[in-house]
Amino acid sequence: MSERIRHLSLEARKLTPAERAELIDNLLASLDEPDARIDAVWAEEAERRLQLVDSGEMPTRDAAEVMAELRRRQHSQ
């Protein structure tokens, strides 16, 4: 652990439990910031899959059918 991290950790421990929880929430949220590069890759993948569905190369199934199959599998175990 770096000296900076150790110092911040010690300072954070001086906060009330509610303040520490708020700090943790804030830090976790900062890790989930949008990444334009990842968003672009997912957009390309979504477009590719949509083209496959539209062309009939990728079969689709009704959600109710999939859920019924999962329930059958669950009950058979």
Protein backbone atom coordinates (compact mmCIF):
# COMPACT_ATOMS: atom_id res chain seq x y z
CA MET A 1 0.00 0.00 0.00
CA SER A 2 1.42 3.37 -0.96
CA GLU A 3 1.99 6.03 1.67
CA ARG A 4 -0.66 8.20 0.05
CA ILE A 5 -3.27 5.43 0.18
CA ARG A 6 -2.34 4.59 3.77
CA HIS A 7 -2.72 8.25 4.77
CA LEU A 8 -6.10 8.57 3.02
CA SER A 9 -7.28 5.35 4.63
CA LEU A 10 -6.33 6.59 8.10
CA GLU A 11 -8.08 9.90 7.46
CA ALA A 12 -11.19 8.14 6.15
CA ARG A 13 -11.38 6.07 9.32
CA LYS A 14 -11.87 9.30 11.28
CA LEU A 15 -15.18 9.87 9.49
CA THR A 16 -18.49 8.74 10.93
CA PRO A 17 -19.88 5.46 9.56
CA ALA A 18 -22.41 7.41 7.47
CA GLU A 19 -19.66 9.63 6.05
CA ARG A 20 -17.50 6.60 5.24
CA ALA A 21 -20.46 4.97 3.47
CA GLU A 22 -21.00 8.15 1.45
CA LEU A 23 -17.29 8.27 0.58
CA ILE A 24 -17.35 4.63 -0.51
CA ASP A 25 -20.43 5.23 -2.68
CA ASN A 26 -18.72 8.23 -4.25
CA LEU A 27 -15.51 6.30 -4.95
CA LEU A 28 -17.38 3.33 -6.42
CA ALA A 29 -19.41 5.64 -8.65
CA SER A 30 -16.18 7.20 -9.92
CA LEU A 31 -15.04 3.78 -11.15
CA ASP A 32 -18.18 3.39 -13.24
CA GLU A 33 -17.70 6.48 -15.40
CA PRO A 34 -18.66 6.18 -19.06
CA ASP A 35 -15.88 5.22 -21.45
CA ALA A 36 -16.51 6.43 -25.01
CA ARG A 37 -14.23 3.74 -26.43
CA ILE A 38 -16.15 0.92 -24.71
CA ASP A 39 -19.47 2.52 -25.65
CA ALA A 40 -18.38 2.58 -29.30
CA VAL A 41 -17.38 -1.09 -29.24
CA TRP A 42 -20.73 -2.07 -27.70
CA ALA A 43 -22.60 0.05 -30.26
CA GLU A 44 -20.77 -1.73 -33.09
CA GLU A 45 -21.54 -5.13 -31.55
CA ALA A 46 -25.22 -4.23 -31.10
CA GLU A 47 -25.40 -3.11 -34.74
CA ARG A 48 -23.69 -6.33 -35.88
CA ARG A 49 -26.15 -8.47 -33.90
CA LEU A 50 -29.12 -6.50 -35.18
CA GLN A 51 -27.97 -7.07 -38.76
CA LEU A 52 -27.65 -10.81 -38.05
CA VAL A 53 -31.18 -10.92 -36.62
CA ASP A 54 -32.60 -8.89 -39.50
CA SER A 55 -30.92 -11.15 -42.07
CA GLY A 56 -32.17 -14.29 -40.33
CA GLU A 57 -28.63 -15.52 -39.60
CA MET A 58 -29.21 -15.24 -35.85
CA PRO A 59 -32.37 -16.93 -34.66
CA THR A 60 -34.44 -15.30 -31.95
CA ARG A 61 -36.72 -16.76 -29.31
CA ASP A 62 -39.66 -15.37 -27.44
CA ALA A 63 -38.75 -14.35 -23.87
CA ALA A 64 -41.69 -16.34 -22.45
CA GLU A 65 -40.41 -19.45 -24.24
CA VAL A 66 -36.91 -18.99 -22.82
CA MET A 67 -38.24 -18.44 -19.29
CA ALA A 68 -40.45 -21.54 -19.53
CA GLU A 69 -37.44 -23.61 -20.60
CA LEU A 70 -35.37 -22.30 -17.71
CA ARG A 71 -38.14 -23.15 -15.25
CA ARG A 72 -38.36 -26.69 -16.67
CA ARG A 73 -34.61 -27.11 -16.29
CA GLN A 74 -34.74 -25.78 -12.73
CA HIS A 75 -37.50 -28.21 -11.74
CA SER A 76 -35.73 -31.19 -13.32
CA GLN A 77 -32.57 -30.71 -11.25
